[in-house]
Amino acid sequence: FDDDAIGWFRQAPGKEREGVSCISTRDGSTYV
């Protein structure tokens, strides 16, 4: 957790896996 990217993905039945969110522990920046 010093320099890691933690993502949240979701997958519905019959659908492609979707990137939902991500947080970088290096600086706390996020993607949504």
Full PDB file with SEQRES, HELIX, SHEET, SSBOND, CRYST1, ORIGX, SCALE, CONECT and MASTER records, all heavy atoms in Angstrom:
SEQRES   1 A   32  PHE ASP ASP ASP ALA ILE GLY TRP PHE ARG GLN ALA PRO          
SEQRES   2 A   32  GLY LYS GLU ARG GLU GLY VAL SER CYS ILE SER THR ARG          
SEQRES   3 A   32  ASP GLY SER THR TYR VAL                                      
SHEET    1 AA1 3 ALA A   5  ARG A  10  0                                        
SHEET    2 AA1 3 GLU A  18  SER A  24 -1                                        
SHEET    3 AA1 3 THR A  30  TYR A  31 -1                                        
CRYST1    1.000    1.000    1.000  90.00  90.00  90.00 P 1           1          
ORIGX1      1.000000  0.000000  0.000000        0.00000                         
ORIGX2      0.000000  1.000000  0.000000        0.00000                         
ORIGX3      0.000000  0.000000  1.000000        0.00000                         
SCALE1      1.000000  0.000000  0.000000        0.00000                         
SCALE2      0.000000  1.000000  0.000000        0.00000                         
SCALE3      0.000000  0.000000  1.000000        0.00000                         
ATOM      1  N   PHE A   1       0.821  -1.207   0.000  1.00  0.00           N  
ATOM      2  CA  PHE A   1       0.000   0.000   0.000  1.00  0.00           C  
ATOM      3  C   PHE A   1       0.860   1.264   0.000  1.00  0.00           C  
ATOM      4  O   PHE A   1       0.355   2.348   0.298  1.00  0.00           O  
ATOM      5  CB  PHE A   1      -0.979   0.006   1.184  1.00  0.00           C  
ATOM      6  CG  PHE A   1      -2.292  -0.664   0.879  1.00  0.00           C  
ATOM      7  CD1 PHE A   1      -2.329  -2.007   0.559  1.00  0.00           C  
ATOM      8  CD2 PHE A   1      -3.480   0.048   0.905  1.00  0.00           C  
ATOM      9  CE1 PHE A   1      -3.528  -2.635   0.272  1.00  0.00           C  
ATOM     10  CE2 PHE A   1      -4.679  -0.576   0.632  1.00  0.00           C  
ATOM     11  CZ  PHE A   1      -4.707  -1.915   0.313  1.00  0.00           C  
ATOM     12  N   ASP A   2       2.127   1.154  -0.320  1.00  0.00           N  
ATOM     13  CA  ASP A   2       2.986   2.319  -0.499  1.00  0.00           C  
ATOM     14  C   ASP A   2       2.850   2.900  -1.900  1.00  0.00           C  
ATOM     15  O   ASP A   2       2.854   4.121  -2.077  1.00  0.00           O  
ATOM     16  CB  ASP A   2       4.445   1.959  -0.240  1.00  0.00           C  
ATOM     17  CG  ASP A   2       4.732   1.647   1.214  1.00  0.00           C  
ATOM     18  OD1 ASP A   2       4.046   2.193   2.095  1.00  0.00           O  
ATOM     19  OD2 ASP A   2       5.665   0.856   1.466  1.00  0.00           O  
ATOM     20  N   ASP A   3       2.750   2.040  -2.880  1.00  0.00           N  
ATOM     21  CA  ASP A   3       2.659   2.467  -4.276  1.00  0.00           C  
ATOM     22  C   ASP A   3       1.861   1.425  -5.052  1.00  0.00           C  
ATOM     23  O   ASP A   3       2.412   0.697  -5.881  1.00  0.00           O  
ATOM     24  CB  ASP A   3       4.056   2.649  -4.866  1.00  0.00           C  
ATOM     25  CG  ASP A   3       4.029   3.178  -6.281  1.00  0.00           C  
ATOM     26  OD1 ASP A   3       3.021   3.809  -6.670  1.00  0.00           O  
ATOM     27  OD2 ASP A   3       5.017   2.958  -7.022  1.00  0.00           O  
ATOM     28  N   ASP A   4       0.581   1.374  -4.772  1.00  0.00           N  
ATOM     29  CA  ASP A   4      -0.278   0.365  -5.380  1.00  0.00           C  
ATOM     30  C   ASP A   4      -1.540   0.988  -5.945  1.00  0.00           C  
ATOM     31  O   ASP A   4      -2.024   2.003  -5.455  1.00  0.00           O  
ATOM     32  CB  ASP A   4      -0.657  -0.708  -4.354  1.00  0.00           C  
ATOM     33  CG  ASP A   4       0.545  -1.433  -3.800  1.00  0.00           C  
ATOM     34  OD1 ASP A   4       1.376  -1.913  -4.596  1.00  0.00           O  
ATOM     35  OD2 ASP A   4       0.662  -1.513  -2.554  1.00  0.00           O  
ATOM     36  N   ALA A   5      -2.047   0.371  -6.982  1.00  0.00           N  
ATOM     37  CA  ALA A   5      -3.322   0.742  -7.577  1.00  0.00           C  
ATOM     38  C   ALA A   5      -4.346  -0.314  -7.209  1.00  0.00           C  
ATOM     39  O   ALA A   5      -4.150  -1.496  -7.498  1.00  0.00           O  
ATOM     40  CB  ALA A   5      -3.195   0.866  -9.095  1.00  0.00           C  
ATOM     41  N   ILE A   6      -5.415   0.111  -6.573  1.00  0.00           N  
ATOM     42  CA  ILE A   6      -6.478  -0.796  -6.176  1.00  0.00           C  
ATOM     43  C   ILE A   6      -7.709  -0.457  -7.001  1.00  0.00           C  
ATOM     44  O   ILE A   6      -8.224   0.660  -6.922  1.00  0.00           O  
ATOM     45  CB  ILE A   6      -6.803  -0.696  -4.678  1.00  0.00           C  
ATOM     46  CG1 ILE A   6      -5.517  -0.620  -3.833  1.00  0.00           C  
ATOM     47  CG2 ILE A   6      -7.688  -1.864  -4.258  1.00  0.00           C  
ATOM     48  CD1 ILE A   6      -4.625  -1.831  -3.939  1.00  0.00           C  
ATOM     49  N   GLY A   7      -8.174  -1.398  -7.773  1.00  0.00           N  
ATOM     50  CA  GLY A   7      -9.309  -1.165  -8.652  1.00  0.00           C  
ATOM     51  C   GLY A   7     -10.568  -1.861  -8.184  1.00  0.00           C  
ATOM     52  O   GLY A   7     -10.523  -2.838  -7.435  1.00  0.00           O  
ATOM     53  N   TRP A   8     -11.685  -1.324  -8.613  1.00  0.00           N  
ATOM     54  CA  TRP A   8     -12.973  -1.988  -8.481  1.00  0.00           C  
ATOM     55  C   TRP A   8     -13.501  -2.241  -9.886  1.00  0.00           C  
ATOM     56  O   TRP A   8     -13.629  -1.310 -10.680  1.00  0.00           O  
ATOM     57  CB  TRP A   8     -13.976  -1.160  -7.686  1.00  0.00           C  
ATOM     58  CG  TRP A   8     -13.809  -1.241  -6.194  1.00  0.00           C  
ATOM     59  CD1 TRP A   8     -13.252  -0.317  -5.382  1.00  0.00           C  
ATOM     60  CD2 TRP A   8     -14.238  -2.325  -5.351  1.00  0.00           C  
ATOM     61  NE1 TRP A   8     -13.294  -0.737  -4.076  1.00  0.00           N  
ATOM     62  CE2 TRP A   8     -13.895  -1.964  -4.022  1.00  0.00           C  
ATOM     63  CE3 TRP A   8     -14.875  -3.547  -5.572  1.00  0.00           C  
ATOM     64  CZ2 TRP A   8     -14.161  -2.799  -2.925  1.00  0.00           C  
ATOM     65  CZ3 TRP A   8     -15.137  -4.373  -4.492  1.00  0.00           C  
ATOM     66  CH2 TRP A   8     -14.778  -3.989  -3.182  1.00  0.00           C  
ATOM     67  N   PHE A   9     -13.782  -3.494 -10.173  1.00  0.00           N  
ATOM     68  CA  PHE A   9     -14.376  -3.905 -11.434  1.00  0.00           C  
ATOM     69  C   PHE A   9     -15.691  -4.602 -11.153  1.00  0.00           C  
ATOM     70  O   PHE A   9     -15.916  -5.106 -10.059  1.00  0.00           O  
ATOM     71  CB  PHE A   9     -13.450  -4.859 -12.202  1.00  0.00           C  
ATOM     72  CG  PHE A   9     -12.214  -4.218 -12.755  1.00  0.00           C  
ATOM     73  CD1 PHE A   9     -11.126  -3.960 -11.942  1.00  0.00           C  
ATOM     74  CD2 PHE A   9     -12.135  -3.881 -14.097  1.00  0.00           C  
ATOM     75  CE1 PHE A   9      -9.981  -3.374 -12.450  1.00  0.00           C  
ATOM     76  CE2 PHE A   9     -10.996  -3.297 -14.622  1.00  0.00           C  
ATOM     77  CZ  PHE A   9      -9.923  -3.046 -13.794  1.00  0.00           C  
ATOM     78  N   ARG A  10     -16.543  -4.650 -12.154  1.00  0.00           N  
ATOM     79  CA  ARG A  10     -17.780  -5.389 -12.022  1.00  0.00           C  
ATOM     80  C   ARG A  10     -18.071  -6.142 -13.310  1.00  0.00           C  
ATOM     81  O   ARG A  10     -17.684  -5.721 -14.389  1.00  0.00           O  
ATOM     82  CB  ARG A  10     -18.952  -4.469 -11.669  1.00  0.00           C  
ATOM     83  CG  ARG A  10     -19.319  -3.450 -12.741  1.00  0.00           C  
ATOM     84  CD  ARG A  10     -20.381  -2.500 -12.209  1.00  0.00           C  
ATOM     85  NE  ARG A  10     -20.819  -1.542 -13.211  1.00  0.00           N  
ATOM     86  CZ  ARG A  10     -21.668  -0.550 -12.966  1.00  0.00           C  
ATOM     87  NH1 ARG A  10     -22.156  -0.381 -11.732  1.00  0.00           N  
ATOM     88  NH2 ARG A  10     -22.019   0.287 -13.942  1.00  0.00           N  
ATOM     89  N   GLN A  11     -18.762  -7.252 -13.163  1.00  0.00           N  
ATOM     90  CA  GLN A  11     -19.131  -8.050 -14.312  1.00  0.00           C  
ATOM     91  C   GLN A  11     -20.546  -8.573 -14.124  1.00  0.00           C  
ATOM     92  O   GLN A  11     -20.813  -9.318 -13.184  1.00  0.00           O  
ATOM     93  CB  GLN A  11     -18.165  -9.212 -14.528  1.00  0.00           C  
ATOM     94  CG  GLN A  11     -18.410  -9.969 -15.819  1.00  0.00           C  
ATOM     95  CD  GLN A  11     -17.259 -10.882 -16.185  1.00  0.00           C  
ATOM     96  OE1 GLN A  11     -16.523 -11.344 -15.316  1.00  0.00           O  
ATOM     97  NE2 GLN A  11     -17.092 -11.134 -17.471  1.00  0.00           N  
ATOM     98  N   ALA A  12     -21.417  -8.161 -15.018  1.00  0.00           N  
ATOM     99  CA  ALA A  12     -22.784  -8.656 -15.038  1.00  0.00           C  
ATOM    100  C   ALA A  12     -22.855  -9.884 -15.932  1.00  0.00           C  
ATOM    101  O   ALA A  12     -22.026 -10.052 -16.835  1.00  0.00           O  
ATOM    102  CB  ALA A  12     -23.729  -7.574 -15.543  1.00  0.00           C  
ATOM    103  N   PRO A  13     -23.822 -10.757 -15.704  1.00  0.00           N  
ATOM    104  CA  PRO A  13     -23.948 -11.953 -16.542  1.00  0.00           C  
ATOM    105  C   PRO A  13     -24.059 -11.611 -18.021  1.00  0.00           C  
ATOM    106  O   PRO A  13     -24.872 -10.771 -18.413  1.00  0.00           O  
ATOM    107  CB  PRO A  13     -25.234 -12.607 -16.028  1.00  0.00           C  
ATOM    108  CG  PRO A  13     -25.356 -12.136 -14.620  1.00  0.00           C  
ATOM    109  CD  PRO A  13     -24.825 -10.726 -14.631  1.00  0.00           C  
ATOM    110  N   GLY A  14     -23.221 -12.236 -18.832  1.00  0.00           N  
ATOM    111  CA  GLY A  14     -23.249 -12.021 -20.263  1.00  0.00           C  
ATOM    112  C   GLY A  14     -22.611 -10.736 -20.738  1.00  0.00           C  
ATOM    113  O   GLY A  14     -22.677 -10.436 -21.934  1.00  0.00           O  
ATOM    114  N   LYS A  15     -21.997  -9.975 -19.843  1.00  0.00           N  
ATOM    115  CA  LYS A  15     -21.386  -8.708 -20.217  1.00  0.00           C  
ATOM    116  C   LYS A  15     -19.889  -8.722 -19.958  1.00  0.00           C  
ATOM    117  O   LYS A  15     -19.382  -9.545 -19.202  1.00  0.00           O  
ATOM    118  CB  LYS A  15     -22.034  -7.552 -19.453  1.00  0.00           C  
ATOM    119  CG  LYS A  15     -23.488  -7.291 -19.809  1.00  0.00           C  
ATOM    120  CD  LYS A  15     -23.998  -6.043 -19.128  1.00  0.00           C  
ATOM    121  CE  LYS A  15     -25.420  -5.732 -19.542  1.00  0.00           C  
ATOM    122  NZ  LYS A  15     -25.916  -4.496 -18.888  1.00  0.00           N  
ATOM    123  N   GLU A  16     -19.194  -7.796 -20.595  1.00  0.00           N  
ATOM    124  CA  GLU A  16     -17.764  -7.648 -20.389  1.00  0.00           C  
ATOM    125  C   GLU A  16     -17.484  -7.082 -19.007  1.00  0.00           C  
ATOM    126  O   GLU A  16     -18.293  -6.347 -18.438  1.00  0.00           O  
ATOM    127  CB  GLU A  16     -17.164  -6.731 -21.456  1.00  0.00           C  
ATOM    128  CG  GLU A  16     -17.265  -7.253 -22.880  1.00  0.00           C  
ATOM    129  CD  GLU A  16     -16.329  -8.404 -23.142  1.00  0.00           C  
ATOM    130  OE1 GLU A  16     -15.283  -8.505 -22.461  1.00  0.00           O  
ATOM    131  OE2 GLU A  16     -16.629  -9.221 -24.024  1.00  0.00           O  
ATOM    132  N   ARG A  17     -16.333  -7.422 -18.470  1.00  0.00           N  
ATOM    133  CA  ARG A  17     -15.901  -6.872 -17.203  1.00  0.00           C  
ATOM    134  C   ARG A  17     -15.654  -5.375 -17.370  1.00  0.00           C  
ATOM    135  O   ARG A  17     -14.977  -4.944 -18.308  1.00  0.00           O  
ATOM    136  CB  ARG A  17     -14.649  -7.583 -16.720  1.00  0.00           C  
ATOM    137  CG  ARG A  17     -14.172  -7.175 -15.340  1.00  0.00           C  
ATOM    138  CD  ARG A  17     -13.078  -8.110 -14.859  1.00  0.00           C  
ATOM    139  NE  ARG A  17     -13.597  -9.455 -14.606  1.00  0.00           N  
ATOM    140  CZ  ARG A  17     -12.830 -10.525 -14.418  1.00  0.00           C  
ATOM    141  NH1 ARG A  17     -11.505 -10.408 -14.477  1.00  0.00           N  
ATOM    142  NH2 ARG A  17     -13.377 -11.704 -14.186  1.00  0.00           N  
ATOM    143  N   GLU A  18     -16.202  -4.587 -16.456  1.00  0.00           N  
ATOM    144  CA  GLU A  18     -16.172  -3.134 -16.549  1.00  0.00           C  
ATOM    145  C   GLU A  18     -15.360  -2.540 -15.409  1.00  0.00           C  
ATOM    146  O   GLU A  18     -15.587  -2.874 -14.243  1.00  0.00           O  
ATOM    147  CB  GLU A  18     -17.593  -2.577 -16.515  1.00  0.00           C  
ATOM    148  CG  GLU A  18     -17.672  -1.055 -16.513  1.00  0.00           C  
ATOM    149  CD  GLU A  18     -19.065  -0.534 -16.263  1.00  0.00           C  
ATOM    150  OE1 GLU A  18     -19.941  -1.334 -15.873  1.00  0.00           O  
ATOM    151  OE2 GLU A  18     -19.295   0.680 -16.464  1.00  0.00           O  
ATOM    152  N   GLY A  19     -14.442  -1.660 -15.746  1.00  0.00           N  
ATOM    153  CA  GLY A  19     -13.711  -0.920 -14.737  1.00  0.00           C  
ATOM    154  C   GLY A  19     -14.579   0.171 -14.138  1.00  0.00           C  
ATOM    155  O   GLY A  19     -15.095   1.026 -14.859  1.00  0.00           O  
ATOM    156  N   VAL A  20     -14.738   0.153 -12.838  1.00  0.00           N  
ATOM    157  CA  VAL A  20     -15.627   1.074 -12.142  1.00  0.00           C  
ATOM    158  C   VAL A  20     -14.862   2.205 -11.474  1.00  0.00           C  
ATOM    159  O   VAL A  20     -15.221   3.376 -11.594  1.00  0.00           O  
ATOM    160  CB  VAL A  20     -16.479   0.328 -11.098  1.00  0.00           C  
ATOM    161  CG1 VAL A  20     -17.310   1.307 -10.277  1.00  0.00           C  
ATOM    162  CG2 VAL A  20     -17.383  -0.684 -11.790  1.00  0.00           C  
ATOM    163  N   SER A  21     -13.803   1.855 -10.757  1.00  0.00           N  
ATOM    164  CA  SER A  21     -13.078   2.855  -9.992  1.00  0.00           C  
ATOM    165  C   SER A  21     -11.687   2.338  -9.661  1.00  0.00           C  
ATOM    166  O   SER A  21     -11.406   1.142  -9.768  1.00  0.00           O  
ATOM    167  CB  SER A  21     -13.847   3.195  -8.709  1.00  0.00           C  
ATOM    168  OG  SER A  21     -13.293   4.320  -8.057  1.00  0.00           O  
ATOM    169  N   CYS A  22     -10.816   3.250  -9.256  1.00  0.00           N  
ATOM    170  CA  CYS A  22      -9.443   2.889  -8.895  1.00  0.00           C  
ATOM    171  C   CYS A  22      -8.879   3.965  -7.985  1.00  0.00           C  
ATOM    172  O   CYS A  22      -9.202   5.148  -8.147  1.00  0.00           O  
ATOM    173  CB  CYS A  22      -8.584   2.739 -10.150  1.00  0.00           C  
ATOM    174  SG  CYS A  22      -6.937   2.040  -9.873  1.00  0.00           S  
ATOM    175  N   ILE A  23      -8.056   3.552  -7.050  1.00  0.00           N  
ATOM    176  CA  ILE A  23      -7.376   4.496  -6.173  1.00  0.00           C  
ATOM    177  C   ILE A  23      -5.895   4.169  -6.137  1.00  0.00           C  
ATOM    178  O   ILE A  23      -5.512   2.999  -6.060  1.00  0.00           O  
ATOM    179  CB  ILE A  23      -7.993   4.502  -4.755  1.00  0.00           C  
ATOM    180  CG1 ILE A  23      -7.356   5.602  -3.897  1.00  0.00           C  
ATOM    181  CG2 ILE A  23      -7.870   3.143  -4.081  1.00  0.00           C  
ATOM    182  CD1 ILE A  23      -8.132   5.899  -2.623  1.00  0.00           C  
ATOM    183  N   SER A  24      -5.059   5.201  -6.218  1.00  0.00           N  
ATOM    184  CA  SER A  24      -3.616   5.059  -6.134  1.00  0.00           C  
ATOM    185  C   SER A  24      -3.175   5.381  -4.718  1.00  0.00           C  
ATOM    186  O   SER A  24      -3.373   6.497  -4.237  1.00  0.00           O  
ATOM    187  CB  SER A  24      -2.924   6.002  -7.118  1.00  0.00           C  
ATOM    188  OG  SER A  24      -3.289   5.707  -8.453  1.00  0.00           O  
ATOM    189  N   THR A  25      -2.593   4.404  -4.047  1.00  0.00           N  
ATOM    190  CA  THR A  25      -2.177   4.622  -2.668  1.00  0.00           C  
ATOM    191  C   THR A  25      -1.003   5.585  -2.567  1.00  0.00           C  
ATOM    192  O   THR A  25      -0.764   6.152  -1.501  1.00  0.00           O  
ATOM    193  CB  THR A  25      -1.803   3.298  -1.996  1.00  0.00           C  
ATOM    194  OG1 THR A  25      -0.697   2.704  -2.685  1.00  0.00           O  
ATOM    195  CG2 THR A  25      -2.983   2.342  -2.012  1.00  0.00           C  
ATOM    196  N   ARG A  26      -0.263   5.797  -3.662  1.00  0.00           N  
ATOM    197  CA  ARG A  26       0.872   6.705  -3.652  1.00  0.00           C  
ATOM    198  C   ARG A  26       0.455   8.119  -3.262  1.00  0.00           C  
ATOM    199  O   ARG A  26       1.119   8.756  -2.446  1.00  0.00           O  
ATOM    200  CB  ARG A  26       1.547   6.717  -5.019  1.00  0.00           C  
ATOM    201  CG  ARG A  26       2.739   7.655  -5.132  1.00  0.00           C  
ATOM    202  CD  ARG A  26       3.191   7.800  -6.573  1.00  0.00           C  
ATOM    203  NE  ARG A  26       3.622   6.541  -7.145  1.00  0.00           N  
ATOM    204  CZ  ARG A  26       3.963   6.375  -8.419  1.00  0.00           C  
ATOM    205  NH1 ARG A  26       3.919   7.412  -9.255  1.00  0.00           N  
ATOM    206  NH2 ARG A  26       4.340   5.183  -8.857  1.00  0.00           N  
ATOM    207  N   ASP A  27      -0.627   8.602  -3.846  1.00  0.00           N  
ATOM    208  CA  ASP A  27      -1.037   9.979  -3.615  1.00  0.00           C  
ATOM    209  C   ASP A  27      -2.524  10.147  -3.339  1.00  0.00           C  
ATOM    210  O   ASP A  27      -2.988  11.274  -3.165  1.00  0.00           O  
ATOM    211  CB  ASP A  27      -0.639  10.858  -4.801  1.00  0.00           C  
ATOM    212  CG  ASP A  27      -1.222  10.374  -6.117  1.00  0.00           C  
ATOM    213  OD1 ASP A  27      -2.051   9.448  -6.112  1.00  0.00           O  
ATOM    214  OD2 ASP A  27      -0.834  10.924  -7.164  1.00  0.00           O  
ATOM    215  N   GLY A  28      -3.270   9.064  -3.309  1.00  0.00           N  
ATOM    216  CA  GLY A  28      -4.694   9.131  -3.038  1.00  0.00           C  
ATOM    217  C   GLY A  28      -5.551   9.533  -4.217  1.00  0.00           C  
ATOM    218  O   GLY A  28      -6.762   9.734  -4.052  1.00  0.00           O  
ATOM    219  N   SER A  29      -4.958   9.667  -5.390  1.00  0.00           N  
ATOM    220  CA  SER A  29      -5.730  10.035  -6.564  1.00  0.00           C  
ATOM    221  C   SER A  29      -6.670   8.904  -6.948  1.00  0.00           C  
ATOM    222  O   SER A  29      -6.386   7.728  -6.696  1.00  0.00           O  
ATOM    223  CB  SER A  29      -4.813  10.393  -7.729  1.00  0.00           C  
ATOM    224  OG  SER A  29      -4.003   9.284  -8.093  1.00  0.00           O  
ATOM    225  N   THR A  30      -7.784   9.258  -7.564  1.00  0.00           N  
ATOM    226  CA  THR A  30      -8.811   8.279  -7.890  1.00  0.00           C  
ATOM    227  C   THR A  30      -9.290   8.422  -9.323  1.00  0.00           C  
ATOM    228  O   THR A  30      -9.189   9.488  -9.940  1.00  0.00           O  
ATOM    229  CB  THR A  30     -10.024   8.398  -6.955  1.00  0.00           C  
ATOM    230  OG1 THR A  30     -10.604   9.704  -7.087  1.00  0.00           O  
ATOM    231  CG2 THR A  30      -9.619   8.180  -5.505  1.00  0.00           C  
ATOM    232  N   TYR A  31      -9.799   7.327  -9.823  1.00  0.00           N  
ATOM    233  CA  TYR A  31     -10.509   7.295 -11.089  1.00  0.00           C  
ATOM    234  C   TYR A  31     -11.901   6.728 -10.822  1.00  0.00           C  
ATOM    235  O   TYR A  31     -12.053   5.751 -10.082  1.00  0.00           O  
ATOM    236  CB  TYR A  31      -9.783   6.419 -12.117  1.00  0.00           C  
ATOM    237  CG  TYR A  31     -10.675   5.961 -13.248  1.00  0.00           C  
ATOM    238  CD1 TYR A  31     -10.946   6.796 -14.327  1.00  0.00           C  
ATOM    239  CD2 TYR A  31     -11.269   4.699 -13.229  1.00  0.00           C  
ATOM    240  CE1 TYR A  31     -11.780   6.393 -15.354  1.00  0.00           C  
ATOM    241  CE2 TYR A  31     -12.106   4.289 -14.254  1.00  0.00           C  
ATOM    242  CZ  TYR A  31     -12.354   5.133 -15.316  1.00  0.00           C  
ATOM    243  OH  TYR A  31     -13.181   4.726 -16.334  1.00  0.00           O  
ATOM    244  N   VAL A  32     -12.906   7.348 -11.420  1.00  0.00           N  
ATOM    245  CA  VAL A  32     -14.277   6.860 -11.318  1.00  0.00           C  
ATOM    246  C   VAL A  32     -14.886   6.886 -12.713  1.00  0.00           C  
ATOM    247  O   VAL A  32     -14.823   7.907 -13.405  1.00  0.00           O  
ATOM    248  CB  VAL A  32     -15.119   7.712 -10.356  1.00  0.00           C  
ATOM    249  CG1 VAL A  32     -16.517   7.127 -10.225  1.00  0.00           C  
ATOM    250  CG2 VAL A  32     -14.463   7.789  -8.985  1.00  0.00           C  
TER     251      VAL A  32                                                      
MASTER        0    0    0    0    3    0    0    6  250    1    0    3          
END                                                                             
